[in-house]
Amino acid sequence: MEYLTTATGRKISCDYFNPNQPVPQVDIQISGLSVAEAAAVFSNKEETKQLWYGNQYLAHYTQLVAIIPDSGSIRVVLRKE
C-alpha cells in the first residue's frame, strides 16, 4: 500500500494516483477515511496545495471536482487552479 501525503504532512492510504494531461486534473483512489473525512481533507486548499505520491509531486490541485464512494475505497478528483 502506498501513501498520499498532503501539504500538512497527512498520510492517506492510496491505491491509485493518476494525473491527467492535458486536462489539469488528478484521479486518486484512497481508503481508510469516511466520505465525510475525505470531503473535509480534499476540499481544504491548505491540504491539497501540495501532494506527494511515491516519486510524483503535484502542486495547486486545490479544486475538488468529485468524491465517489466505491466498495471500500473512495475516488477523489481534483483540478488544478
PDB file of N, CA and C in Angstrom:
ATOM      1  N   MET A   1       0.850  -1.189   0.000  1.00  0.00           N
ATOM      2  CA  MET A   1       0.000   0.000   0.000  1.00  0.00           C
ATOM      3  C   MET A   1       0.882   1.235   0.000  1.00  0.00           C
ATOM      4  N   GLU A   2       0.619   2.110  -0.913  1.00  0.00           N
ATOM      5  CA  GLU A   2       1.312   3.395  -0.990  1.00  0.00           C
ATOM      6  C   GLU A   2       0.531   4.426  -0.173  1.00  0.00           C
ATOM      7  N   TYR A   3       1.156   5.560   0.047  1.00  0.00           N
ATOM      8  CA  TYR A   3       0.503   6.645   0.772  1.00  0.00           C
ATOM      9  C   TYR A   3       0.571   7.932  -0.037  1.00  0.00           C
ATOM     10  N   LEU A   4      -0.514   8.682   0.043  1.00  0.00           N
ATOM     11  CA  LEU A   4      -0.579  10.034  -0.475  1.00  0.00           C
ATOM     12  C   LEU A   4      -0.256  10.940   0.701  1.00  0.00           C
ATOM     13  N   THR A   5       0.641  11.880   0.510  1.00  0.00           N
ATOM     14  CA  THR A   5       0.989  12.828   1.567  1.00  0.00           C
ATOM     15  C   THR A   5       0.544  14.212   1.141  1.00  0.00           C
ATOM     16  N   THR A   6      -0.195  14.882   2.028  1.00  0.00           N
ATOM     17  CA  THR A   6      -0.704  16.223   1.725  1.00  0.00           C
ATOM     18  C   THR A   6       0.278  17.286   2.211  1.00  0.00           C
ATOM     19  N   ALA A   7      -0.014  18.536   1.912  1.00  0.00           N
ATOM     20  CA  ALA A   7       0.857  19.658   2.257  1.00  0.00           C
ATOM     21  C   ALA A   7       1.110  19.767   3.760  1.00  0.00           C
ATOM     22  N   THR A   8       0.162  19.339   4.577  1.00  0.00           N
ATOM     23  CA  THR A   8       0.342  19.433   6.028  1.00  0.00           C
ATOM     24  C   THR A   8       1.024  18.193   6.608  1.00  0.00           C
ATOM     25  N   GLY A   9       1.377  17.236   5.727  1.00  0.00           N
ATOM     26  CA  GLY A   9       2.048  16.022   6.181  1.00  0.00           C
ATOM     27  C   GLY A   9       1.117  14.868   6.488  1.00  0.00           C
ATOM     28  N   ARG A  10      -0.148  15.037   6.235  1.00  0.00           N
ATOM     29  CA  ARG A  10      -1.111  13.956   6.471  1.00  0.00           C
ATOM     30  C   ARG A  10      -0.884  12.833   5.467  1.00  0.00           C
ATOM     31  N   LYS A  11      -0.818  11.585   5.948  1.00  0.00           N
ATOM     32  CA  LYS A  11      -0.623  10.410   5.094  1.00  0.00           C
ATOM     33  C   LYS A  11      -1.944   9.657   4.979  1.00  0.00           C
ATOM     34  N   ILE A  12      -2.337   9.358   3.738  1.00  0.00           N
ATOM     35  CA  ILE A  12      -3.606   8.693   3.447  1.00  0.00           C
ATOM     36  C   ILE A  12      -3.308   7.491   2.566  1.00  0.00           C
ATOM     37  N   SER A  13      -3.854   6.335   2.932  1.00  0.00           N
ATOM     38  CA  SER A  13      -3.678   5.130   2.113  1.00  0.00           C
ATOM     39  C   SER A  13      -4.222   5.398   0.714  1.00  0.00           C
ATOM     40  N   CYS A  14      -3.424   5.057  -0.286  1.00  0.00           N
ATOM     41  CA  CYS A  14      -3.776   5.394  -1.665  1.00  0.00           C
ATOM     42  C   CYS A  14      -3.411   4.234  -2.580  1.00  0.00           C
ATOM     43  N   ASP A  15      -4.384   3.782  -3.378  1.00  0.00           N
ATOM     44  CA  ASP A  15      -4.173   2.680  -4.316  1.00  0.00           C
ATOM     45  C   ASP A  15      -3.922   3.160  -5.741  1.00  0.00           C
ATOM     46  N   TYR A  16      -4.290   4.400  -6.038  1.00  0.00           N
ATOM     47  CA  TYR A  16      -4.277   4.880  -7.422  1.00  0.00           C
ATOM     48  C   TYR A  16      -4.067   6.380  -7.416  1.00  0.00           C
ATOM     49  N   PHE A  17      -3.151   6.864  -8.234  1.00  0.00           N
ATOM     50  CA  PHE A  17      -2.845   8.287  -8.329  1.00  0.00           C
ATOM     51  C   PHE A  17      -2.505   8.559  -9.782  1.00  0.00           C
ATOM     52  N   ASN A  18      -3.404   9.226 -10.506  1.00  0.00           N
ATOM     53  CA  ASN A  18      -3.229   9.382 -11.944  1.00  0.00           C
ATOM     54  C   ASN A  18      -3.481  10.819 -12.385  1.00  0.00           C
ATOM     55  N   PRO A  19      -2.410  11.606 -12.532  1.00  0.00           N
ATOM     56  CA  PRO A  19      -2.579  12.939 -13.105  1.00  0.00           C
ATOM     57  C   PRO A  19      -2.962  12.814 -14.578  1.00  0.00           C
ATOM     58  N   ASN A  20      -3.987  13.529 -14.990  1.00  0.00           N
ATOM     59  CA  ASN A  20      -4.458  13.500 -16.382  1.00  0.00           C
ATOM     60  C   ASN A  20      -3.910  14.709 -17.122  1.00  0.00           C
ATOM     61  N   GLN A  21      -3.342  14.467 -18.265  1.00  0.00           N
ATOM     62  CA  GLN A  21      -2.845  15.547 -19.098  1.00  0.00           C
ATOM     63  C   GLN A  21      -3.474  15.392 -20.475  1.00  0.00           C
ATOM     64  N   PRO A  22      -3.838  16.414 -21.166  1.00  0.00           N
ATOM     65  CA  PRO A  22      -3.552  17.809 -20.890  1.00  0.00           C
ATOM     66  C   PRO A  22      -4.545  18.469 -19.932  1.00  0.00           C
ATOM     67  N   VAL A  23      -5.587  17.755 -19.510  1.00  0.00           N
ATOM     68  CA  VAL A  23      -6.524  18.310 -18.531  1.00  0.00           C
ATOM     69  C   VAL A  23      -5.800  18.381 -17.188  1.00  0.00           C
ATOM     70  N   PRO A  24      -5.766  19.546 -16.551  1.00  0.00           N
ATOM     71  CA  PRO A  24      -5.055  19.661 -15.275  1.00  0.00           C
ATOM     72  C   PRO A  24      -5.896  19.077 -14.125  1.00  0.00           C
ATOM     73  N   GLN A  25      -5.963  17.773 -14.092  1.00  0.00           N
ATOM     74  CA  GLN A  25      -6.824  17.063 -13.143  1.00  0.00           C
ATOM     75  C   GLN A  25      -6.077  15.824 -12.654  1.00  0.00           C
ATOM     76  N   VAL A  26      -6.377  15.374 -11.434  1.00  0.00           N
ATOM     77  CA  VAL A  26      -5.784  14.154 -10.905  1.00  0.00           C
ATOM     78  C   VAL A  26      -6.891  13.278 -10.321  1.00  0.00           C
ATOM     79  N   ASP A  27      -6.825  11.990 -10.635  1.00  0.00           N
ATOM     80  CA  ASP A  27      -7.746  10.998 -10.079  1.00  0.00           C
ATOM     81  C   ASP A  27      -6.985  10.229  -9.009  1.00  0.00           C
ATOM     82  N   ILE A  28      -7.600  10.105  -7.842  1.00  0.00           N
ATOM     83  CA  ILE A  28      -6.960   9.469  -6.693  1.00  0.00           C
ATOM     84  C   ILE A  28      -7.942   8.470  -6.097  1.00  0.00           C
ATOM     85  N   GLN A  29      -7.467   7.297  -5.729  1.00  0.00           N
ATOM     86  CA  GLN A  29      -8.308   6.335  -5.021  1.00  0.00           C
ATOM     87  C   GLN A  29      -7.693   6.101  -3.654  1.00  0.00           C
ATOM     88  N   ILE A  30      -8.471   6.395  -2.604  1.00  0.00           N
ATOM     89  CA  ILE A  30      -7.970   6.322  -1.232  1.00  0.00           C
ATOM     90  C   ILE A  30      -8.800   5.344  -0.413  1.00  0.00           C
ATOM     91  N   SER A  31      -8.268   4.969   0.736  1.00  0.00           N
ATOM     92  CA  SER A  31      -9.017   4.153   1.684  1.00  0.00           C
ATOM     93  C   SER A  31      -8.618   4.579   3.101  1.00  0.00           C
ATOM     94  N   GLY A  32      -9.408   4.146   4.069  1.00  0.00           N
ATOM     95  CA  GLY A  32      -9.118   4.479   5.457  1.00  0.00           C
ATOM     96  C   GLY A  32      -9.771   5.746   5.956  1.00  0.00           C
ATOM     97  N   LEU A  33     -10.559   6.400   5.121  1.00  0.00           N
ATOM     98  CA  LEU A  33     -11.301   7.597   5.515  1.00  0.00           C
ATOM     99  C   LEU A  33     -12.769   7.403   5.190  1.00  0.00           C
ATOM    100  N   SER A  34     -13.629   8.044   5.968  1.00  0.00           N
ATOM    101  CA  SER A  34     -15.047   8.076   5.618  1.00  0.00           C
ATOM    102  C   SER A  34     -15.230   9.103   4.502  1.00  0.00           C
ATOM    103  N   VAL A  35     -16.390   9.099   3.879  1.00  0.00           N
ATOM    104  CA  VAL A  35     -16.681  10.082   2.830  1.00  0.00           C
ATOM    105  C   VAL A  35     -16.628  11.498   3.420  1.00  0.00           C
ATOM    106  N   ALA A  36     -17.144  11.672   4.629  1.00  0.00           N
ATOM    107  CA  ALA A  36     -17.120  12.990   5.269  1.00  0.00           C
ATOM    108  C   ALA A  36     -15.688  13.442   5.540  1.00  0.00           C
ATOM    109  N   GLU A  37     -14.830  12.533   6.010  1.00  0.00           N
ATOM    110  CA  GLU A  37     -13.429  12.877   6.248  1.00  0.00           C
ATOM    111  C   GLU A  37     -12.724  13.221   4.937  1.00  0.00           C
ATOM    112  N   ALA A  38     -12.986  12.445   3.903  1.00  0.00           N
ATOM    113  CA  ALA A  38     -12.389  12.715   2.594  1.00  0.00           C
ATOM    114  C   ALA A  38     -12.827  14.085   2.082  1.00  0.00           C
ATOM    115  N   ALA A  39     -14.092  14.408   2.247  1.00  0.00           N
ATOM    116  CA  ALA A  39     -14.598  15.715   1.811  1.00  0.00           C
ATOM    117  C   ALA A  39     -13.906  16.843   2.572  1.00  0.00           C
ATOM    118  N   ALA A  40     -13.717  16.663   3.869  1.00  0.00           N
ATOM    119  CA  ALA A  40     -13.056  17.691   4.673  1.00  0.00           C
ATOM    120  C   ALA A  40     -11.599  17.877   4.245  1.00  0.00           C
ATOM    121  N   VAL A  41     -10.887  16.796   4.018  1.00  0.00           N
ATOM    122  CA  VAL A  41      -9.480  16.872   3.635  1.00  0.00           C
ATOM    123  C   VAL A  41      -9.319  17.461   2.232  1.00  0.00           C
ATOM    124  N   PHE A  42     -10.037  16.915   1.262  1.00  0.00           N
ATOM    125  CA  PHE A  42      -9.797  17.281  -0.129  1.00  0.00           C
ATOM    126  C   PHE A  42     -10.495  18.570  -0.560  1.00  0.00           C
ATOM    127  N   SER A  43     -11.339  19.140   0.282  1.00  0.00           N
ATOM    128  CA  SER A  43     -11.902  20.460  -0.007  1.00  0.00           C
ATOM    129  C   SER A  43     -11.092  21.564   0.674  1.00  0.00           C
ATOM    130  N   ASN A  44     -10.089  21.173   1.455  1.00  0.00           N
ATOM    131  CA  ASN A  44      -9.231  22.122   2.163  1.00  0.00           C
ATOM    132  C   ASN A  44      -8.012  22.440   1.290  1.00  0.00           C
ATOM    133  N   LYS A  45      -7.949  23.632   0.779  1.00  0.00           N
ATOM    134  CA  LYS A  45      -6.861  24.023  -0.121  1.00  0.00           C
ATOM    135  C   LYS A  45      -5.492  23.967   0.547  1.00  0.00           C
ATOM    136  N   GLU A  46      -5.459  24.153   1.863  1.00  0.00           N
ATOM    137  CA  GLU A  46      -4.187  24.061   2.581  1.00  0.00           C
ATOM    138  C   GLU A  46      -3.653  22.632   2.594  1.00  0.00           C
ATOM    139  N   GLU A  47      -4.537  21.644   2.504  1.00  0.00           N
ATOM    140  CA  GLU A  47      -4.121  20.238   2.427  1.00  0.00           C
ATOM    141  C   GLU A  47      -3.671  19.863   1.024  1.00  0.00           C
ATOM    142  N   THR A  48      -4.378  20.349   0.005  1.00  0.00           N
ATOM    143  CA  THR A  48      -4.161  19.870  -1.362  1.00  0.00           C
ATOM    144  C   THR A  48      -3.253  20.758  -2.207  1.00  0.00           C
ATOM    145  N   LYS A  49      -2.741  21.839  -1.630  1.00  0.00           N
ATOM    146  CA  LYS A  49      -1.875  22.705  -2.439  1.00  0.00           C
ATOM    147  C   LYS A  49      -0.570  22.014  -2.825  1.00  0.00           C
ATOM    148  N   GLN A  50      -0.189  20.966  -2.085  1.00  0.00           N
ATOM    149  CA  GLN A  50       0.948  20.132  -2.435  1.00  0.00           C
ATOM    150  C   GLN A  50       0.573  18.685  -2.142  1.00  0.00           C
ATOM    151  N   LEU A  51       0.846  17.794  -3.101  1.00  0.00           N
ATOM    152  CA  LEU A  51       0.549  16.369  -2.944  1.00  0.00           C
ATOM    153  C   LEU A  51       1.744  15.551  -3.416  1.00  0.00           C
ATOM    154  N   TRP A  52       2.101  14.525  -2.640  1.00  0.00           N
ATOM    155  CA  TRP A  52       3.172  13.608  -3.000  1.00  0.00           C
ATOM    156  C   TRP A  52       2.618  12.191  -3.012  1.00  0.00           C
ATOM    157  N   TYR A  53       3.000  11.429  -4.004  1.00  0.00           N
ATOM    158  CA  TYR A  53       2.654  10.016  -4.092  1.00  0.00           C
ATOM    159  C   TYR A  53       3.864   9.310  -4.706  1.00  0.00           C
ATOM    160  N   GLY A  54       4.574   8.539  -3.901  1.00  0.00           N
ATOM    161  CA  GLY A  54       5.820   7.939  -4.391  1.00  0.00           C
ATOM    162  C   GLY A  54       6.762   9.033  -4.849  1.00  0.00           C
ATOM    163  N   ASN A  55       7.249   8.942  -6.082  1.00  0.00           N
ATOM    164  CA  ASN A  55       8.152   9.968  -6.608  1.00  0.00           C
ATOM    165  C   ASN A  55       7.415  11.040  -7.409  1.00  0.00           C
ATOM    166  N   GLN A  56       6.082  11.037  -7.367  1.00  0.00           N
ATOM    167  CA  GLN A  56       5.291  12.048  -8.079  1.00  0.00           C
ATOM    168  C   GLN A  56       4.944  13.202  -7.140  1.00  0.00           C
ATOM    169  N   TYR A  57       4.985  14.406  -7.664  1.00  0.00           N
ATOM    170  CA  TYR A  57       4.647  15.601  -6.900  1.00  0.00           C
ATOM    171  C   TYR A  57       3.725  16.474  -7.744  1.00  0.00           C
ATOM    172  N   LEU A  58       2.654  16.959  -7.120  1.00  0.00           N
ATOM    173  CA  LEU A  58       1.739  17.892  -7.773  1.00  0.00           C
ATOM    174  C   LEU A  58       1.530  19.112  -6.881  1.00  0.00           C
ATOM    175  N   ALA A  59       1.364  20.265  -7.498  1.00  0.00           N
ATOM    176  CA  ALA A  59       1.093  21.494  -6.746  1.00  0.00           C
ATOM    177  C   ALA A  59      -0.138  22.181  -7.316  1.00  0.00           C
ATOM    178  N   HIS A  60      -0.905  22.786  -6.439  1.00  0.00           N
ATOM    179  CA  HIS A  60      -2.059  23.629  -6.772  1.00  0.00           C
ATOM    180  C   HIS A  60      -3.271  22.864  -7.316  1.00  0.00           C
ATOM    181  N   TYR A  61      -3.407  21.596  -6.982  1.00  0.00           N
ATOM    182  CA  TYR A  61      -4.619  20.840  -7.339  1.00  0.00           C
ATOM    183  C   TYR A  61      -5.601  21.023  -6.172  1.00  0.00           C
ATOM    184  N   THR A  62      -6.230  22.183  -6.135  1.00  0.00           N
ATOM    185  CA  THR A  62      -6.992  22.601  -4.962  1.00  0.00           C
ATOM    186  C   THR A  62      -8.497  22.674  -5.171  1.00  0.00           C
ATOM    187  N   GLN A  63      -8.970  22.385  -6.355  1.00  0.00           N
ATOM    188  CA  GLN A  63     -10.418  22.430  -6.607  1.00  0.00           C
ATOM    189  C   GLN A  63     -10.979  21.010  -6.595  1.00  0.00           C
ATOM    190  N   LEU A  64     -11.834  20.729  -5.624  1.00  0.00           N
ATOM    191  CA  LEU A  64     -12.475  19.416  -5.522  1.00  0.00           C
ATOM    192  C   LEU A  64     -13.554  19.301  -6.590  1.00  0.00           C
ATOM    193  N   VAL A  65     -13.429  18.296  -7.443  1.00  0.00           N
ATOM    194  CA  VAL A  65     -14.381  18.075  -8.528  1.00  0.00           C
ATOM    195  C   VAL A  65     -15.386  17.002  -8.151  1.00  0.00           C
ATOM    196  N   ALA A  66     -14.911  15.909  -7.540  1.00  0.00           N
ATOM    197  CA  ALA A  66     -15.813  14.790  -7.219  1.00  0.00           C
ATOM    198  C   ALA A  66     -15.247  13.934  -6.102  1.00  0.00           C
ATOM    199  N   ILE A  67     -16.169  13.350  -5.342  1.00  0.00           N
ATOM    200  CA  ILE A  67     -15.868  12.299  -4.370  1.00  0.00           C
ATOM    201  C   ILE A  67     -16.861  11.185  -4.670  1.00  0.00           C
ATOM    202  N   ILE A  68     -16.315   9.996  -4.983  1.00  0.00           N
ATOM    203  CA  ILE A  68     -17.171   8.888  -5.401  1.00  0.00           C
ATOM    204  C   ILE A  68     -16.867   7.665  -4.545  1.00  0.00           C
ATOM    205  N   PRO A  69     -17.781   7.270  -3.639  1.00  0.00           N
ATOM    206  CA  PRO A  69     -17.564   6.039  -2.867  1.00  0.00           C
ATOM    207  C   PRO A  69     -17.573   4.829  -3.802  1.00  0.00           C
ATOM    208  N   ASP A  70     -16.641   3.886  -3.555  1.00  0.00           N
ATOM    209  CA  ASP A  70     -16.508   2.736  -4.451  1.00  0.00           C
ATOM    210  C   ASP A  70     -16.067   1.504  -3.660  1.00  0.00           C
ATOM    211  N   SER A  71     -17.011   0.723  -3.182  1.00  0.00           N
ATOM    212  CA  SER A  71     -16.794  -0.556  -2.487  1.00  0.00           C
ATOM    213  C   SER A  71     -15.511  -0.616  -1.658  1.00  0.00           C
ATOM    214  N   GLY A  72     -15.500   0.071  -0.545  1.00  0.00           N
ATOM    215  CA  GLY A  72     -14.378   0.024   0.381  1.00  0.00           C
ATOM    216  C   GLY A  72     -13.315   1.081   0.153  1.00  0.00           C
ATOM    217  N   SER A  73     -13.432   1.842  -0.907  1.00  0.00           N
ATOM    218  CA  SER A  73     -12.492   2.927  -1.156  1.00  0.00           C
ATOM    219  C   SER A  73     -13.273   4.146  -1.646  1.00  0.00           C
ATOM    220  N   ILE A  74     -12.547   5.224  -1.837  1.00  0.00           N
ATOM    221  CA  ILE A  74     -13.166   6.470  -2.298  1.00  0.00           C
ATOM    222  C   ILE A  74     -12.320   7.032  -3.431  1.00  0.00           C
ATOM    223  N   ARG A  75     -12.971   7.379  -4.509  1.00  0.00           N
ATOM    224  CA  ARG A  75     -12.285   8.026  -5.633  1.00  0.00           C
ATOM    225  C   ARG A  75     -12.461   9.528  -5.478  1.00  0.00           C
ATOM    226  N   VAL A  76     -11.358  10.251  -5.569  1.00  0.00           N
ATOM    227  CA  VAL A  76     -11.353  11.695  -5.447  1.00  0.00           C
ATOM    228  C   VAL A  76     -10.793  12.281  -6.741  1.00  0.00           C
ATOM    229  N   VAL A  77     -11.432  13.324  -7.237  1.00  0.00           N
ATOM    230  CA  VAL A  77     -10.956  14.014  -8.430  1.00  0.00           C
ATOM    231  C   VAL A  77     -10.704  15.468  -8.046  1.00  0.00           C
ATOM    232  N   LEU A  78      -9.464  15.917  -8.297  1.00  0.00           N
ATOM    233  CA  LEU A  78      -9.075  17.303  -8.035  1.00  0.00           C
ATOM    234  C   LEU A  78      -8.650  17.961  -9.334  1.00  0.00           C
ATOM    235  N   ARG A  79      -8.907  19.269  -9.431  1.00  0.00           N
ATOM    236  CA  ARG A  79      -8.498  20.033 -10.601  1.00  0.00           C
ATOM    237  C   ARG A  79      -7.507  21.106 -10.148  1.00  0.00           C
ATOM    238  N   LYS A  80      -6.569  21.395 -11.018  1.00  0.00           N
ATOM    239  CA  LYS A  80      -5.578  22.422 -10.728  1.00  0.00           C
ATOM    240  C   LYS A  80      -6.188  23.803 -10.934  1.00  0.00           C
ATOM    241  N   GLU A  81      -5.938  24.687  -9.982  1.00  0.00           N
ATOM    242  CA  GLU A  81      -6.436  26.065 -10.100  1.00  0.00           C
ATOM    243  C   GLU A  81      -5.303  26.985 -10.507  1.00  0.00           C
TER     244      GLU A  81
END
